[in-house]
Amino acid sequence: MKPDTGNACFTRILNAVLNGSPVYVRPYKEPKVWGVDGIGEYWYGAEEGEKSSTAVVGKDAFSLYKIIENGPEKFLGEKVVARFGKRLPLVKILTPKSRLSVQFHDNKNELWIITGTDKEIAGGTPWIITGFSRKAVELYGKAVTGYYKGALAIYGEALNNLIEIMIDSGYEKLLDDKKDVELASQEVVHSKPGSSEIAGDLEKLKAAKRGLDVFYNRQYVEIGDVIPIPSGTLHALGPGVEVVEPQIAGPTQSLEDGTTYPVRYAFPAYPREGAIKMLEIDRVHEMLPEVMEKTYPEVADETDYVLVERLPGKFEDKGLEVHRITFKDDSEYQQSPTSFHTLIVLVGDARLCINDKEYNIPNAAPDGEMLIVPASAGHYKIHACKNTQIIDTFTPV
């Protein structure tokens, strides 16, 4: 790709990277119906096109994708490019106000680092779904995916029958207003006790929902928890659970999307106009038919002042490693990397020092910035106060 030498911002940022200066990264904001204030995901990465994050040096700002495309070895590292190509792992911040769709990935590992919880939005103790429940696996064994598919089919039929009877009864505007099939139906039943057909279909939906819930392992979470999501694992974020999510980007297989209206993800037997995609319930056999066992960080390095933990996820062969750096006291941590490093503070306060210049490392916050140290920086130091925690995402080579 020919460098865009006609753009002064591009040229100054690229030259700064070539000389080893870090860049701040502003996220691409992904609108989601389930997101707080309409934004569900903040992307810190170099996706091609409009979904690229923005690289910032001083007052200059430009597409991070184009900066990396024109200086990959200096930004990512020569060994990184040689082994994995010109690819920057993606880090997201997710902010759900309602439960996300239940899904799995056929070739992508993720990692959830819980950075915030809202008990009011969650309706109690915040939770997530991770894998099949122990009860379901003990009951069905390896056949659990097949039984789950059957429960999905029953749920899909019940949901779509209720949608049809609500529309046929003249309540399409109420569905649009409530944005939720179950809530709209409940309002009709409570305000019009004679709506026996809607009441009956609503009860069938609730029963089908209970039939699905048997399969889901609901795990209660709090700030600081680290949850890996291996490829093939059933999962969904619950409402009010904010996470930092490092990942190697890849496709998503969605299986169930709750009672959101209009239907975003349609069941195969019930296509809906305007639906974004069809739920892939025929692929349930690709999921891991087992309970997801809890895994813990490994100690990568430890001194009297700093603890470095390798977070679980087993991404290394795909070009991603994530460390949590905890400062036991006011101190410094030194690195001489051959890869880029994406840095974000979870707790506390920290500064990056390169060539006698200091840069504030941002705290994790929706729509905030992250800081990327390019491979060209060479040696750098991090100064931090006691109990500060930093998430460090990079490519191991």
Protein backbone atom coordinates (compact mmCIF):
# COMPACT_ATOMS: atom_id res chain seq x y z
CA MET A 1 0.00 0.00 0.00
CA LYS A 2 1.36 3.38 -0.96
CA PRO A 3 1.75 5.72 2.04
CA ASP A 4 -0.73 8.60 2.14
CA THR A 5 2.07 11.17 2.14
CA GLY A 6 -0.35 13.93 1.25
CA ASN A 7 -1.90 13.85 4.73
CA ALA A 8 0.20 15.74 7.29
CA CYS A 9 -1.40 14.02 10.33
CA PHE A 10 -0.69 10.61 8.84
CA THR A 11 2.93 11.52 8.15
CA ARG A 12 3.60 12.90 11.62
CA ILE A 13 2.02 9.90 13.39
CA LEU A 14 3.83 7.39 11.18
CA ASN A 15 7.16 9.15 11.76
CA ALA A 16 6.50 9.17 15.51
CA VAL A 17 5.89 5.41 15.45
CA LEU A 18 9.01 4.79 13.37
CA ASN A 19 10.96 6.71 16.01
CA GLY A 20 9.50 4.64 18.86
CA SER A 21 6.84 6.97 20.26
CA PRO A 22 3.69 5.42 21.77
CA VAL A 23 0.24 6.21 20.39
CA TYR A 24 -3.03 6.73 22.19
CA VAL A 25 -5.97 4.86 20.69
CA ARG A 26 -9.53 6.14 20.50
CA PRO A 27 -12.10 3.42 19.97
CA TYR A 28 -14.45 2.68 17.14
CA LYS A 29 -17.94 2.65 18.71
CA GLU A 30 -20.19 -0.24 17.72
CA PRO A 31 -23.93 0.48 18.20
CA LYS A 32 -25.88 -2.35 19.86
CA VAL A 33 -29.51 -2.55 20.94
CA TRP A 34 -28.30 -4.10 24.21
CA GLY A 35 -25.67 -1.41 24.89
CA VAL A 36 -25.70 1.36 27.46
CA ASP A 37 -26.70 4.60 25.68
CA GLY A 38 -26.99 2.59 22.46
CA ILE A 39 -23.28 1.67 22.31
CA GLY A 40 -22.44 -1.90 23.24
CA GLU A 41 -18.82 -2.30 22.14
CA TYR A 42 -15.77 -0.05 22.05
CA TRP A 43 -13.11 -1.47 19.70
CA TYR A 44 -9.40 -0.84 20.19
CA GLY A 45 -7.90 -2.39 17.10
CA ALA A 46 -6.89 -1.96 13.49
CA GLU A 47 -9.80 -3.40 11.55
CA GLU A 48 -9.77 -2.44 7.89
CA GLY A 49 -12.14 0.34 6.88
CA GLU A 50 -14.46 2.41 9.04
CA LYS A 51 -14.20 0.08 12.05
CA SER A 52 -10.55 0.91 12.61
CA SER A 53 -9.70 2.68 15.86
CA THR A 54 -7.96 6.05 15.68
CA ALA A 55 -4.27 6.57 16.46
CA VAL A 56 -3.51 9.80 18.30
CA VAL A 57 -0.15 11.51 18.80
CA GLY A 58 -0.42 14.98 20.27
CA LYS A 59 -3.11 16.82 18.30
CA ASP A 60 -2.82 14.51 15.29
CA ALA A 61 -5.31 11.69 14.69
CA PHE A 62 -5.52 9.11 11.89
CA SER A 63 -6.74 5.59 11.13
CA LEU A 64 -4.74 3.06 13.17
CA TYR A 65 -5.20 0.50 10.38
CA LYS A 66 -3.43 2.74 7.88
CA ILE A 67 -0.60 3.54 10.31
CA ILE A 68 0.09 -0.17 10.85
CA GLU A 69 -0.36 -0.99 7.16
CA ASN A 70 2.43 1.45 6.30
CA GLY A 71 4.82 0.57 9.13
CA PRO A 72 3.97 -2.99 10.24
CA GLU A 73 7.42 -4.17 11.34
CA LYS A 74 8.10 -1.02 13.35
CA PHE A 75 4.67 -1.03 14.95
CA LEU A 76 3.97 -4.74 15.50
CA GLY A 77 7.53 -6.12 15.47
CA GLU A 78 9.51 -7.89 12.75
CA LYS A 79 9.08 -11.35 14.27
CA VAL A 80 5.38 -10.74 14.84
CA VAL A 81 4.80 -9.82 11.19
CA ALA A 82 6.91 -12.75 9.99
CA ARG A 83 4.86 -15.25 11.99
CA PHE A 84 1.35 -13.76 12.15
CA GLY A 85 1.23 -11.11 9.44
CA LYS A 86 0.12 -7.50 9.80
CA ARG A 87 -2.50 -8.21 12.44
CA LEU A 88 -3.12 -6.35 15.68
CA PRO A 89 -5.15 -8.33 18.25
CA LEU A 90 -8.42 -6.62 19.07
CA VAL A 91 -9.25 -5.36 22.57
CA LYS A 92 -12.86 -4.41 23.32
CA ILE A 93 -14.76 -2.83 26.18
CA LEU A 94 -18.34 -4.15 26.38
CA THR A 95 -21.14 -2.36 28.25
CA PRO A 96 -24.40 -4.37 28.20
CA LYS A 97 -27.65 -3.11 29.71
CA SER A 98 -29.34 -6.41 28.83
CA ARG A 99 -28.18 -9.97 28.30
CA LEU A 100 -26.26 -10.60 25.09
CA SER A 101 -27.17 -13.37 22.68
CA VAL A 102 -26.08 -16.88 23.63
CA GLN A 103 -23.34 -17.84 21.20
CA PHE A 104 -20.12 -19.72 20.57
CA HIS A 105 -17.10 -19.28 18.30
CA ASP A 106 -15.81 -22.03 16.05
CA ASN A 107 -12.29 -20.58 15.77
CA LYS A 108 -11.88 -17.74 18.25
CA ASN A 109 -10.82 -17.56 21.89
CA GLU A 110 -11.88 -14.65 24.08
CA LEU A 111 -11.04 -13.42 27.56
CA TRP A 112 -13.36 -11.45 29.83
CA ILE A 113 -11.83 -9.23 32.51
CA ILE A 114 -14.62 -7.85 34.68
CA THR A 115 -14.09 -4.11 35.13
CA GLY A 116 -17.51 -2.98 36.32
CA THR A 117 -20.84 -4.31 37.58
CA ASP A 118 -24.22 -2.65 38.04
CA LYS A 119 -26.51 -4.57 40.40
CA GLU A 120 -29.47 -2.37 39.50
CA ILE A 121 -29.16 -3.17 35.79
CA ALA A 122 -28.43 -6.82 36.60
CA GLY A 123 -31.49 -7.06 38.83
CA GLY A 124 -29.37 -8.46 41.67
CA THR A 125 -25.98 -10.17 41.69
CA PRO A 126 -24.32 -9.73 38.26
CA TRP A 127 -23.88 -12.94 36.27
CA ILE A 128 -22.66 -14.41 33.00
CA ILE A 129 -23.31 -17.65 31.10
CA THR A 130 -20.25 -19.85 30.53
CA GLY A 131 -20.74 -23.30 29.06
CA PHE A 132 -23.31 -25.95 29.87
CA SER A 133 -24.58 -26.44 33.41
CA ARG A 134 -23.27 -29.35 35.45
CA LYS A 135 -26.84 -30.56 35.88
CA ALA A 136 -27.41 -30.74 32.10
CA VAL A 137 -24.09 -32.49 31.41
CA GLU A 138 -24.67 -35.04 34.18
CA LEU A 139 -28.17 -35.69 32.83
CA TYR A 140 -27.39 -35.91 29.11
CA GLY A 141 -23.64 -36.55 28.86
CA LYS A 142 -22.12 -36.05 25.38
CA ALA A 143 -25.64 -35.84 23.94
CA VAL A 144 -26.23 -32.53 25.76
CA THR A 145 -25.80 -30.52 22.54
CA GLY A 146 -28.59 -32.46 20.83
CA TYR A 147 -30.99 -31.97 23.72
CA TYR A 148 -30.06 -28.30 23.81
CA LYS A 149 -30.93 -28.01 20.12
CA GLY A 150 -34.33 -29.51 20.88
CA ALA A 151 -34.91 -26.95 23.64
CA LEU A 152 -33.88 -24.16 21.25
CA ALA A 153 -36.43 -25.36 18.68
CA ILE A 154 -39.21 -25.39 21.30
CA TYR A 155 -38.22 -21.90 22.45
CA GLY A 156 -38.12 -20.58 18.88
CA GLU A 157 -41.60 -21.93 18.14
CA ALA A 158 -43.04 -20.47 21.36
CA LEU A 159 -41.45 -17.06 20.78
CA ASN A 160 -42.63 -16.79 17.20
CA ASN A 161 -46.15 -18.01 18.00
CA LEU A 162 -46.43 -15.27 20.63
CA ILE A 163 -45.15 -12.64 18.18
CA GLU A 164 -47.75 -13.71 15.59
CA ILE A 165 -50.70 -13.66 17.99
CA MET A 166 -49.63 -10.23 19.32
CA ILE A 167 -49.45 -8.82 15.80
CA ASP A 168 -52.72 -10.47 14.73
CA SER A 169 -54.39 -9.01 17.84
CA GLY A 170 -53.30 -5.48 16.92
CA TYR A 171 -50.39 -5.04 19.33
CA GLU A 172 -47.55 -4.50 16.86
CA LYS A 173 -47.07 -0.88 18.04
CA LEU A 174 -46.84 -2.07 21.64
CA LEU A 175 -44.15 -4.55 20.58
CA ASP A 176 -42.27 -1.71 18.88
CA ASP A 177 -42.61 0.51 21.94
CA LYS A 178 -41.53 -2.10 24.50
CA LYS A 179 -38.78 -3.60 22.29
CA ASP A 180 -39.42 -6.89 24.08
CA VAL A 181 -41.97 -9.59 23.22
CA GLU A 182 -42.36 -10.89 26.78
CA LEU A 183 -42.76 -7.44 28.39
CA ALA A 184 -45.30 -6.34 25.78
CA SER A 185 -47.31 -9.54 26.20
CA GLN A 186 -47.30 -9.23 29.98
CA GLU A 187 -48.72 -5.71 29.71
CA VAL A 188 -51.57 -6.96 27.53
CA VAL A 189 -52.38 -9.83 29.90
CA HIS A 190 -52.34 -7.56 32.96
CA SER A 191 -54.45 -4.81 31.38
CA LYS A 192 -56.87 -7.12 29.54
CA PRO A 193 -57.55 -10.22 31.67
CA GLY A 194 -59.70 -11.70 28.90
CA SER A 195 -56.76 -12.10 26.53
CA SER A 196 -56.66 -15.84 27.09
CA GLU A 197 -54.89 -16.80 23.85
CA ILE A 198 -52.04 -14.33 24.47
CA ALA A 199 -51.86 -15.42 28.11
CA GLY A 200 -51.61 -19.05 27.06
CA ASP A 201 -48.84 -18.40 24.54
CA LEU A 202 -47.00 -16.25 27.08
CA GLU A 203 -47.00 -19.14 29.56
CA LYS A 204 -45.71 -21.48 26.84
CA LEU A 205 -42.85 -19.04 26.17
CA LYS A 206 -41.98 -18.88 29.87
CA ALA A 207 -41.97 -22.67 30.07
CA ALA A 208 -39.73 -22.89 26.99
CA LYS A 209 -37.41 -20.30 28.54
CA ARG A 210 -37.14 -22.41 31.72
CA GLY A 211 -36.36 -25.39 29.51
CA LEU A 212 -33.42 -23.47 28.00
CA ASP A 213 -32.16 -22.14 31.32
CA VAL A 214 -31.54 -25.70 32.51
CA PHE A 215 -28.68 -25.93 30.00
CA TYR A 216 -26.92 -22.67 30.92
CA ASN A 217 -24.17 -22.45 33.50
CA ARG A 218 -24.88 -19.14 35.22
CA GLN A 219 -21.75 -17.86 36.95
CA TYR A 220 -21.91 -14.93 39.38
CA VAL A 221 -19.12 -12.40 38.93
CA GLU A 222 -17.49 -9.40 40.56
CA ILE A 223 -14.95 -6.78 39.55
CA GLY A 224 -11.51 -8.28 38.96
CA ASP A 225 -12.71 -11.73 37.86
CA VAL A 226 -10.94 -13.19 34.81
CA ILE A 227 -12.93 -15.60 32.63
CA PRO A 228 -11.48 -17.26 29.51
CA ILE A 229 -13.92 -18.28 26.77
CA PRO A 230 -12.29 -21.08 24.74
CA SER A 231 -13.36 -21.77 21.18
CA GLY A 232 -16.52 -23.89 21.12
CA THR A 233 -17.80 -22.71 24.51
CA LEU A 234 -21.38 -21.57 24.99
CA HIS A 235 -21.37 -18.04 26.51
CA ALA A 236 -23.23 -14.78 27.06
CA LEU A 237 -22.60 -11.63 29.08
CA GLY A 238 -25.34 -10.77 31.55
CA PRO A 239 -26.81 -7.28 31.99
CA GLY A 240 -24.74 -4.71 33.84
CA VAL A 241 -21.43 -6.60 33.49
CA GLU A 242 -18.72 -4.41 31.93
CA VAL A 243 -15.65 -6.19 30.58
CA VAL A 244 -12.34 -5.62 28.86
CA GLU A 245 -12.15 -8.32 26.19
CA PRO A 246 -8.87 -9.12 24.37
CA GLN A 247 -9.37 -11.45 21.40
CA ILE A 248 -8.29 -12.59 17.98
CA ALA A 249 -11.17 -11.36 15.83
CA GLY A 250 -13.30 -14.00 14.12
CA PRO A 251 -16.90 -15.00 13.27
CA THR A 252 -19.63 -15.61 15.86
CA GLN A 253 -22.19 -18.42 15.87
CA SER A 254 -25.38 -17.17 17.59
CA LEU A 255 -27.89 -19.64 19.02
CA GLU A 256 -30.47 -17.68 20.99
CA ASP A 257 -31.19 -13.97 21.36
CA GLY A 258 -33.87 -13.64 24.00
CA THR A 259 -37.15 -11.81 23.47
CA THR A 260 -35.84 -8.59 21.87
CA TYR A 261 -38.24 -7.05 19.35
CA PRO A 262 -37.93 -6.58 16.41
CA VAL A 263 -36.20 -9.95 16.14
CA ARG A 264 -32.49 -9.38 15.39
CA TYR A 265 -31.49 -13.03 15.02
CA ALA A 266 -34.24 -15.20 13.53
CA PHE A 267 -34.76 -18.93 14.14
CA PRO A 268 -34.25 -21.01 10.96
CA ALA A 269 -37.90 -22.10 10.72
CA TYR A 270 -39.15 -18.54 11.28
CA PRO A 271 -37.40 -16.05 8.96
CA ARG A 272 -38.10 -12.41 9.83
CA GLU A 273 -37.86 -9.38 7.59
CA GLY A 274 -35.08 -7.10 8.84
CA ALA A 275 -33.33 -9.75 10.95
CA ILE A 276 -29.54 -9.34 10.90
CA LYS A 277 -28.82 -13.06 10.67
CA MET A 278 -30.26 -16.53 11.09
CA LEU A 279 -29.52 -18.35 14.35
CA GLU A 280 -27.17 -21.26 13.74
CA ILE A 281 -28.83 -23.90 15.89
CA ASP A 282 -27.90 -26.64 13.41
CA ARG A 283 -24.27 -26.17 14.49
CA VAL A 284 -24.77 -27.04 18.16
CA HIS A 285 -22.79 -30.28 17.68
CA GLU A 286 -19.65 -28.14 17.22
CA MET A 287 -19.82 -26.91 20.83
CA LEU A 288 -17.93 -28.48 23.72
CA PRO A 289 -20.42 -30.85 25.44
CA GLU A 290 -18.94 -30.33 28.89
CA VAL A 291 -18.86 -28.14 31.97
CA MET A 292 -16.29 -25.36 31.70
CA GLU A 293 -13.85 -25.81 34.55
CA LYS A 294 -12.47 -22.71 36.25
CA THR A 295 -8.92 -21.73 35.29
CA TYR A 296 -6.54 -19.35 37.00
CA PRO A 297 -3.73 -16.99 35.97
CA GLU A 298 -0.16 -18.31 35.93
CA VAL A 299 2.72 -16.41 37.48
CA ALA A 300 4.98 -15.24 34.64
CA ASP A 301 7.32 -13.14 36.80
CA GLU A 302 7.46 -11.90 40.38
CA THR A 303 9.72 -9.63 42.39
CA ASP A 304 9.40 -7.94 45.76
CA TYR A 305 7.63 -5.08 44.00
CA VAL A 306 5.75 -6.43 40.97
CA LEU A 307 3.65 -9.51 40.14
CA VAL A 308 3.15 -10.41 36.45
CA GLU A 309 0.46 -13.00 35.70
CA ARG A 310 -0.26 -14.68 32.38
CA LEU A 311 -4.04 -14.66 32.05
CA PRO A 312 -5.77 -17.85 30.88
CA GLY A 313 -7.09 -18.29 27.37
CA LYS A 314 -4.44 -20.24 25.45
CA PHE A 315 -4.17 -17.65 22.69
CA GLU A 316 -0.42 -17.84 22.25
CA ASP A 317 -0.38 -19.97 19.10
CA LYS A 318 -2.85 -17.54 17.53
CA GLY A 319 -0.74 -14.47 18.27
CA LEU A 320 -2.14 -13.15 21.54
CA GLU A 321 -0.94 -13.12 25.14
CA VAL A 322 -2.44 -11.13 28.01
CA HIS A 323 -0.64 -10.22 31.23
CA ARG A 324 -1.94 -8.61 34.40
CA ILE A 325 0.75 -6.52 36.08
CA THR A 326 0.14 -5.81 39.78
CA PHE A 327 2.35 -3.37 41.67
CA LYS A 328 2.92 -4.44 45.28
CA ASP A 329 4.43 -1.06 46.11
CA ASP A 330 5.21 2.28 44.46
CA SER A 331 7.78 1.07 41.97
CA GLU A 332 8.72 0.58 38.31
CA TYR A 333 8.51 -2.25 35.80
CA GLN A 334 10.91 -2.46 32.86
CA GLN A 335 10.48 -4.05 29.45
CA SER A 336 12.56 -4.46 26.28
CA PRO A 337 9.96 -5.99 23.96
CA THR A 338 10.08 -7.26 20.39
CA SER A 339 6.29 -6.84 20.06
CA PHE A 340 3.83 -3.98 20.42
CA HIS A 341 2.12 -3.70 23.85
CA THR A 342 -1.43 -2.41 24.40
CA LEU A 343 -1.73 -1.01 27.94
CA ILE A 344 -4.75 -0.10 30.06
CA VAL A 345 -5.02 0.51 33.82
CA LEU A 346 -7.70 -1.46 35.69
CA VAL A 347 -7.00 -0.01 39.15
CA GLY A 348 -4.71 2.76 40.32
CA ASP A 349 -2.43 5.13 38.44
CA ALA A 350 0.49 4.48 36.08
CA ARG A 351 2.84 6.30 33.70
CA LEU A 352 4.94 5.07 30.80
CA CYS A 353 8.50 6.35 30.41
CA ILE A 354 10.29 6.20 27.02
CA ASN A 355 13.42 8.19 26.20
CA ASP A 356 12.93 10.44 29.25
CA LYS A 357 9.36 11.29 28.20
CA GLU A 358 6.36 10.33 30.33
CA TYR A 359 2.92 9.30 29.10
CA ASN A 360 -0.16 8.67 31.22
CA ILE A 361 -1.55 5.12 30.85
CA PRO A 362 -5.36 5.54 30.66
CA ASN A 363 -7.79 3.81 32.98
CA ALA A 364 -10.22 1.34 31.46
CA ALA A 365 -13.44 3.20 30.72
CA PRO A 366 -16.08 3.06 27.98
CA ASP A 367 -15.13 5.50 25.21
CA GLY A 368 -11.78 6.15 26.94
CA GLU A 369 -8.37 5.65 25.35
CA MET A 370 -5.77 2.91 25.49
CA LEU A 371 -2.02 3.31 24.99
CA ILE A 372 -0.01 1.22 22.52
CA VAL A 373 3.77 1.01 22.74
CA PRO A 374 5.11 0.09 19.28
CA ALA A 375 7.86 -2.50 18.93
CA SER A 376 10.15 0.28 17.70
CA ALA A 377 10.14 1.81 21.20
CA GLY A 378 12.67 -0.71 22.48
CA HIS A 379 13.29 -0.32 26.22
CA TYR A 380 10.60 1.33 28.36
CA LYS A 381 9.57 1.65 32.01
CA ILE A 382 6.22 1.77 33.77
CA HIS A 383 6.00 3.75 37.00
CA ALA A 384 2.97 2.98 39.16
CA CYS A 385 1.60 3.44 42.64
CA LYS A 386 0.93 0.60 45.08
CA ASN A 387 -1.90 -1.82 44.15
CA THR A 388 -2.10 -0.55 40.57
CA GLN A 389 -3.17 -3.21 38.06
CA ILE A 390 -2.44 -3.00 34.35
CA ILE A 391 -3.63 -5.20 31.49
CA ASP A 392 -0.88 -5.72 28.92
CA THR A 393 -1.90 -7.27 25.56
CA PHE A 394 0.77 -8.28 23.04
CA THR A 395 1.89 -10.96 20.59
CA PRO A 396 4.40 -13.50 21.96
CA VAL A 397 7.34 -14.29 19.66
